[in-house]
């Protein structure tokens, strides 16, 4: 590989083009002005029977607490869908981090696929002939897909490998009393999070750290690490190390275990778990009502100006 300008065409595999992922792509565009990106989004069409079976599996794993949890998730998604129009009114604040705005640069193309591992995806990747693949919140990729880019595919993993493969980020580390959470860029192989490491760092766990708060930090650190990894490959440098040992692959914990960790963190903070739940419900309700009102105001004559003050 030549030492410079050898990686110009990237293909991104994702199932969730969230703000953190889009901001990472923006960082890549800002850092490398000769790079173009094709974003392939996995949008499967699931049958109603499959959705029902999935919910029964979750009910069996998590118990009856899955029902109110699912209700909150559905409400949050409905609220987000209603407020997407509100976000578009603030291009100065968020326009740089919207996938449509990235596409408007002419350097990003977005394609939705019913299966990111299917034949349509394979034909598209063959046509694109990318130099490097990026797996960012993607479903598990098949070897025939992640091997297609010239240099293979790398994955951003929020965890130290091989000790903390899988998900969710930061949860198991905090539960186990670790002092830090790893953030790793590694090559994608068939076994989950098992490839050689290209770049890695650590984010310290503070006294009052929570999994949600750590994920925000890891998103920021991970995007910077991704740029460093691409820069490293463009400079012709190899991988840092192979993963040693069997390691451990984690899965999503039962809701009961999530509650256990919340209770433990509440004791550290000196607050009651019930009080935290009440506050969360109140905040969610308040923000949902405010967002809905902002969405409806343009249809009336009572639109207001929001002034943000940093103190």
Protein backbone atom coordinates (compact mmCIF):
# COMPACT_ATOMS: atom_id res chain seq x y z
CA UNK A 1 0.00 0.00 0.00
CA UNK A 2 1.37 3.41 -0.95
CA UNK A 3 1.97 5.72 2.02
CA UNK A 4 -0.51 8.42 1.05
CA UNK A 5 -3.81 8.92 -0.83
CA UNK A 6 -4.44 5.18 -0.99
CA UNK A 7 -7.80 5.28 0.80
CA UNK A 8 -10.28 7.50 -1.00
CA UNK A 9 -13.47 5.45 -1.22
CA UNK A 10 -15.15 4.32 1.99
CA UNK A 11 -18.26 2.21 2.41
CA UNK A 12 -20.12 2.43 5.72
CA UNK A 13 -22.28 -0.43 6.96
CA UNK A 14 -24.87 0.63 9.53
CA UNK A 15 -28.32 -0.13 10.83
CA UNK A 16 -28.67 3.07 12.83
CA UNK A 17 -27.38 6.32 11.30
CA UNK A 18 -27.63 8.14 14.64
CA UNK A 19 -26.21 11.56 15.49
CA UNK A 20 -22.97 10.02 16.81
CA UNK A 21 -22.39 8.10 13.59
CA UNK A 22 -23.21 11.04 11.33
CA UNK A 23 -20.90 13.29 13.37
CA UNK A 24 -18.17 10.68 12.93
CA UNK A 25 -18.64 10.77 9.17
CA UNK A 26 -18.47 14.56 9.29
CA UNK A 27 -15.14 14.30 11.12
CA UNK A 28 -13.81 12.03 8.36
CA UNK A 29 -14.92 14.45 5.66
CA UNK A 30 -13.35 17.38 7.49
CA UNK A 31 -10.06 15.53 8.00
CA UNK A 32 -9.67 13.97 4.53
CA UNK A 33 -10.82 16.24 1.70
CA UNK A 34 -10.16 13.56 -0.95
CA UNK A 35 -12.42 10.91 0.60
CA UNK A 36 -15.92 9.95 -0.57
CA UNK A 37 -18.32 7.83 1.49
CA UNK A 38 -21.11 5.45 0.53
CA UNK A 39 -23.45 4.75 3.45
CA UNK A 40 -25.38 1.48 3.26
CA UNK A 41 -28.27 1.37 5.74
CA UNK A 42 -29.81 -1.95 6.76
CA UNK A 43 -33.62 -1.52 6.65
CA UNK A 44 -35.15 -5.00 6.85
CA UNK A 45 -38.84 -5.55 6.19
CA UNK A 46 -39.97 -7.65 9.12
CA UNK A 47 -43.20 -9.63 9.06
CA UNK A 48 -45.74 -9.08 11.82
CA UNK A 49 -45.30 -12.70 12.94
CA UNK A 50 -41.54 -12.12 13.35
CA UNK A 51 -42.18 -9.04 15.49
CA UNK A 52 -44.59 -11.00 17.71
CA UNK A 53 -42.09 -13.85 18.18
CA UNK A 54 -39.37 -11.32 19.02
CA UNK A 55 -41.52 -9.69 21.70
CA UNK A 56 -42.37 -13.06 23.23
CA UNK A 57 -38.64 -13.87 23.42
CA UNK A 58 -38.01 -10.55 25.17
CA UNK A 59 -40.93 -11.17 27.53
CA UNK A 60 -39.47 -14.56 28.42
CA UNK A 61 -36.02 -13.07 29.05
CA UNK A 62 -36.99 -9.89 30.90
CA UNK A 63 -40.30 -10.82 32.52
CA UNK A 64 -43.40 -8.64 32.82
CA UNK A 65 -41.23 -5.53 33.23
CA UNK A 66 -40.69 -5.74 29.46
CA UNK A 67 -44.25 -4.48 28.87
CA UNK A 68 -43.85 -0.99 30.42
CA UNK A 69 -40.33 -0.80 28.98
CA UNK A 70 -41.67 -1.51 25.48
CA UNK A 71 -44.43 1.08 25.95
CA UNK A 72 -41.83 3.73 26.83
CA UNK A 73 -39.70 2.77 23.81
CA UNK A 74 -42.66 3.06 21.44
CA UNK A 75 -43.62 6.44 22.90
CA UNK A 76 -40.04 7.73 22.56
CA UNK A 77 -39.87 6.71 18.90
CA UNK A 78 -43.22 8.27 18.13
CA UNK A 79 -42.10 11.48 19.83
CA UNK A 80 -38.82 11.48 17.88
CA UNK A 81 -40.70 10.98 14.63
CA UNK A 82 -42.97 13.93 15.40
CA UNK A 83 -40.04 16.22 16.21
CA UNK A 84 -37.82 15.49 13.21
CA UNK A 85 -39.32 18.48 11.47
CA UNK A 86 -38.32 20.65 14.42
CA UNK A 87 -34.68 19.69 13.99
CA UNK A 88 -34.75 20.87 10.38
CA UNK A 89 -35.64 24.39 11.55
CA UNK A 90 -32.22 24.69 13.18
CA UNK A 91 -29.68 24.09 10.38
CA UNK A 92 -27.05 26.26 12.06
CA UNK A 93 -27.08 24.01 15.11
CA UNK A 94 -27.43 20.55 13.61
CA UNK A 95 -27.20 20.85 9.81
CA UNK A 96 -23.60 19.67 9.71
CA UNK A 97 -24.65 16.50 11.46
CA UNK A 98 -27.67 15.53 9.40
CA UNK A 99 -27.27 12.68 6.92
CA UNK A 100 -29.12 14.59 4.19
CA UNK A 101 -26.78 17.55 4.63
CA UNK A 102 -23.76 15.27 4.32
CA UNK A 103 -25.22 13.90 1.10
CA UNK A 104 -25.61 17.48 -0.17
CA UNK A 105 -21.81 17.87 -0.07
CA UNK A 106 -21.57 15.57 -3.09
CA UNK A 107 -19.09 13.35 -1.24
CA UNK A 108 -21.64 11.14 0.55
CA UNK A 109 -24.21 8.82 -1.00
CA UNK A 110 -26.86 7.03 1.04
CA UNK A 111 -28.51 3.76 0.04
CA UNK A 112 -31.10 1.85 2.03
CA UNK A 113 -31.15 -1.94 1.65
CA UNK A 114 -33.58 -4.55 2.94
CA UNK A 115 -30.56 -6.76 3.70
CA UNK A 116 -27.04 -5.46 4.10
CA UNK A 117 -25.81 -9.04 3.59
CA UNK A 118 -28.01 -9.75 0.57
CA UNK A 119 -27.19 -10.04 -3.15
CA UNK A 120 -28.26 -6.43 -3.85
CA UNK A 121 -25.69 -5.21 -1.33
CA UNK A 122 -23.04 -7.47 -2.82
CA UNK A 123 -23.64 -6.19 -6.35
CA UNK A 124 -23.58 -2.59 -5.15
CA UNK A 125 -20.28 -3.03 -3.31
CA UNK A 126 -18.75 -4.67 -6.38
CA UNK A 127 -19.79 -1.65 -8.42
CA UNK A 128 -18.44 0.83 -5.83
CA UNK A 129 -15.06 -0.93 -5.43
CA UNK A 130 -14.38 0.70 -2.03
CA UNK A 131 -10.93 0.87 -0.49
CA UNK A 132 -12.11 0.37 3.09
CA UNK A 133 -15.29 -0.64 4.90
CA UNK A 134 -16.48 0.85 8.21
CA UNK A 135 -18.85 -1.09 10.42
CA UNK A 136 -20.71 1.44 12.59
CA UNK A 137 -23.65 0.11 14.63
CA UNK A 138 -24.16 -2.45 11.90
CA UNK A 139 -25.81 -5.87 12.10
CA UNK A 140 -23.47 -8.86 12.02
CA UNK A 141 -21.84 -8.85 8.59
CA UNK A 142 -21.23 -11.93 6.48
CA UNK A 143 -17.69 -12.68 5.36
CA UNK A 144 -18.65 -12.26 1.70
CA UNK A 145 -19.61 -8.66 2.53
CA UNK A 146 -16.94 -7.44 4.97
CA UNK A 147 -14.12 -8.88 2.84
CA UNK A 148 -15.20 -7.06 -0.34
CA UNK A 149 -13.48 -3.68 0.29
CA UNK A 150 -9.86 -3.76 -0.88
CA UNK A 151 -8.49 -3.41 2.66
CA UNK A 152 -11.34 -5.22 4.37
CA UNK A 153 -13.63 -3.68 6.98
CA UNK A 154 -12.88 -2.15 10.38
CA UNK A 155 -15.29 -1.83 13.29
CA UNK A 156 -15.68 0.80 16.00
CA UNK A 157 -16.26 -1.11 19.24
CA UNK A 158 -16.97 0.61 22.54
CA UNK A 159 -15.18 -1.84 24.79
CA UNK A 160 -11.77 -3.31 25.53
CA UNK A 161 -11.05 -6.47 23.59
CA UNK A 162 -10.94 -9.36 24.11
CA UNK A 163 -12.26 -8.82 27.67
CA UNK A 164 -15.44 -6.94 26.72
CA UNK A 165 -16.67 -8.01 23.32
CA UNK A 166 -20.34 -7.64 22.47
CA UNK A 167 -22.65 -5.09 24.11
CA UNK A 168 -23.98 -2.89 25.64
CA UNK A 169 -21.19 -0.31 25.98
CA UNK A 170 -19.96 0.49 29.52
CA UNK A 171 -22.67 -1.51 31.31
CA UNK A 172 -20.66 -4.59 32.16
CA UNK A 173 -17.52 -2.59 32.97
CA UNK A 174 -19.37 -0.45 35.53
CA UNK A 175 -21.17 -3.50 36.93
CA UNK A 176 -17.84 -5.32 37.36
CA UNK A 177 -16.14 -2.35 39.03
CA UNK A 178 -13.62 -1.66 36.27
CA UNK A 179 -11.61 1.56 36.37
CA UNK A 180 -12.07 2.36 32.68
CA UNK A 181 -13.95 1.46 29.50
CA UNK A 182 -12.00 0.66 26.36
CA UNK A 183 -12.67 2.03 22.90
CA UNK A 184 -11.28 -0.03 20.03
CA UNK A 185 -10.97 -0.02 16.25
CA UNK A 186 -10.42 -3.56 15.00
CA UNK A 187 -10.61 -5.48 11.75
CA UNK A 188 -13.86 -7.34 11.17
CA UNK A 189 -13.62 -11.13 11.16
CA UNK A 190 -16.29 -13.80 11.27
CA UNK A 191 -16.13 -14.12 15.06
CA UNK A 192 -17.67 -11.10 16.81
CA UNK A 193 -15.16 -8.37 17.82
CA UNK A 194 -12.23 -10.77 17.39
CA UNK A 195 -10.07 -9.10 14.73
CA UNK A 196 -6.63 -7.53 15.15
CA UNK A 197 -6.61 -4.11 16.80
CA UNK A 198 -5.84 -1.03 14.71
CA UNK A 199 -6.33 1.68 17.36
CA UNK A 200 -7.42 1.72 21.00
CA UNK A 201 -7.77 3.96 24.02
CA UNK A 202 -9.36 4.03 27.48
CA UNK A 203 -12.00 6.29 29.04
CA UNK A 204 -11.82 6.42 32.87
CA UNK A 205 -14.89 5.53 34.91
CA UNK A 206 -15.47 8.23 37.51
CA UNK A 207 -17.28 7.86 40.83
CA UNK A 208 -20.65 8.99 39.50
CA UNK A 209 -20.35 7.58 35.96
CA UNK A 210 -23.39 5.86 34.46
CA UNK A 211 -23.63 3.66 31.35
CA UNK A 212 -25.60 6.38 29.53
CA UNK A 213 -23.08 9.08 30.41
CA UNK A 214 -20.13 6.87 29.44
CA UNK A 215 -21.71 6.15 26.05
CA UNK A 216 -21.77 9.87 25.27
CA UNK A 217 -18.06 10.10 26.08
CA UNK A 218 -17.33 6.94 24.09
CA UNK A 219 -19.15 8.33 21.05
CA UNK A 220 -16.88 11.38 21.04
CA UNK A 221 -13.71 9.41 21.74
CA UNK A 222 -14.68 6.75 19.19
CA UNK A 223 -15.12 9.26 16.37
CA UNK A 224 -11.67 10.73 17.01
CA UNK A 225 -10.21 7.22 17.18
CA UNK A 226 -11.84 6.32 13.87
CA UNK A 227 -10.15 9.28 12.16
CA UNK A 228 -6.82 8.23 13.71
CA UNK A 229 -7.29 4.67 12.45
CA UNK A 230 -7.94 5.82 8.88
CA UNK A 231 -4.96 8.16 9.09
CA UNK A 232 -2.86 5.22 10.28
CA UNK A 233 -3.92 3.05 7.34
CA UNK A 234 -3.31 5.87 4.88
CA UNK A 235 0.21 6.20 6.27
CA UNK A 236 0.83 2.52 5.52
CA UNK A 237 1.02 1.48 9.17
CA UNK A 238 -0.17 -1.95 10.23
CA UNK A 239 -2.32 -3.22 13.06
CA UNK A 240 -1.14 -2.76 16.64
CA UNK A 241 -1.75 -6.24 17.95
CA UNK A 242 -3.59 -9.50 17.57
CA UNK A 243 -6.14 -10.31 20.23
CA UNK A 244 -4.82 -12.81 22.74
CA UNK A 245 -6.95 -15.20 24.79
CA UNK A 246 -10.53 -16.35 24.45
CA UNK A 247 -12.04 -13.20 25.95
CA UNK A 248 -15.73 -12.85 26.67
CA UNK A 249 -18.66 -11.84 24.47
CA UNK A 250 -21.44 -10.06 26.36
CA UNK A 251 -25.10 -9.72 25.47
CA UNK A 252 -27.79 -7.34 26.58
CA UNK A 253 -28.50 -7.89 30.30
CA UNK A 254 -31.97 -8.66 31.65
CA UNK A 255 -33.93 -5.60 32.76
CA UNK A 256 -33.69 -6.87 36.34
CA UNK A 257 -29.90 -6.64 36.22
CA UNK A 258 -30.14 -3.13 34.74
CA UNK A 259 -32.32 -2.16 37.72
CA UNK A 260 -29.75 -3.66 40.09
CA UNK A 261 -27.04 -1.43 38.65
CA UNK A 262 -29.29 1.64 38.77
CA UNK A 263 -29.99 0.98 42.47
CA UNK A 264 -26.28 0.64 43.17
CA UNK A 265 -25.47 3.90 41.38
CA UNK A 266 -28.33 5.65 43.17
CA UNK A 267 -26.81 4.70 46.52
CA UNK A 268 -23.45 6.12 45.45
CA UNK A 269 -25.15 9.37 44.48
CA UNK A 270 -27.16 9.42 47.69
CA UNK A 271 -30.51 9.44 45.89
CA UNK A 272 -33.36 6.94 45.98
CA UNK A 273 -34.14 4.77 42.95
CA UNK A 274 -37.83 5.65 43.18
CA UNK A 275 -36.97 9.35 43.16
CA UNK A 276 -34.82 8.92 40.07
CA UNK A 277 -37.62 7.03 38.28
CA UNK A 278 -40.13 9.77 39.10
CA UNK A 279 -37.72 12.43 37.83
CA UNK A 280 -37.07 10.49 34.61
CA UNK A 281 -40.80 10.08 33.96
CA UNK A 282 -41.44 13.76 34.68
CA UNK A 283 -38.59 14.89 32.40
CA UNK A 284 -39.68 12.58 29.58
CA UNK A 285 -43.27 13.76 29.82
CA UNK A 286 -42.29 17.44 29.95
CA UNK A 287 -39.89 17.20 26.99
CA UNK A 288 -42.44 15.23 24.92
CA UNK A 289 -45.16 17.81 25.52
CA UNK A 290 -42.81 20.71 24.71
CA UNK A 291 -41.58 19.00 21.54
CA UNK A 292 -45.14 18.32 20.38
CA UNK A 293 -46.12 21.95 21.01
CA UNK A 294 -43.14 23.19 18.97
CA UNK A 295 -44.12 20.84 16.16
CA UNK A 296 -47.69 22.18 16.06
CA UNK A 297 -46.90 25.89 16.41
CA UNK A 298 -45.94 26.54 12.75
CA UNK A 299 -49.52 25.67 11.79
CA UNK A 300 -50.77 28.50 13.99
CA UNK A 301 -49.78 32.13 14.48
CA UNK A 302 -48.22 31.68 17.90
CA UNK A 303 -44.70 30.59 16.94
CA UNK A 304 -42.14 31.65 19.54
CA UNK A 305 -38.40 32.24 19.52
CA UNK A 306 -36.28 30.05 21.80
CA UNK A 307 -33.24 31.76 23.30
CA UNK A 308 -30.48 29.51 24.61
CA UNK A 309 -28.26 30.82 27.41
CA UNK A 310 -25.05 29.15 28.49
CA UNK A 311 -24.22 30.11 32.08
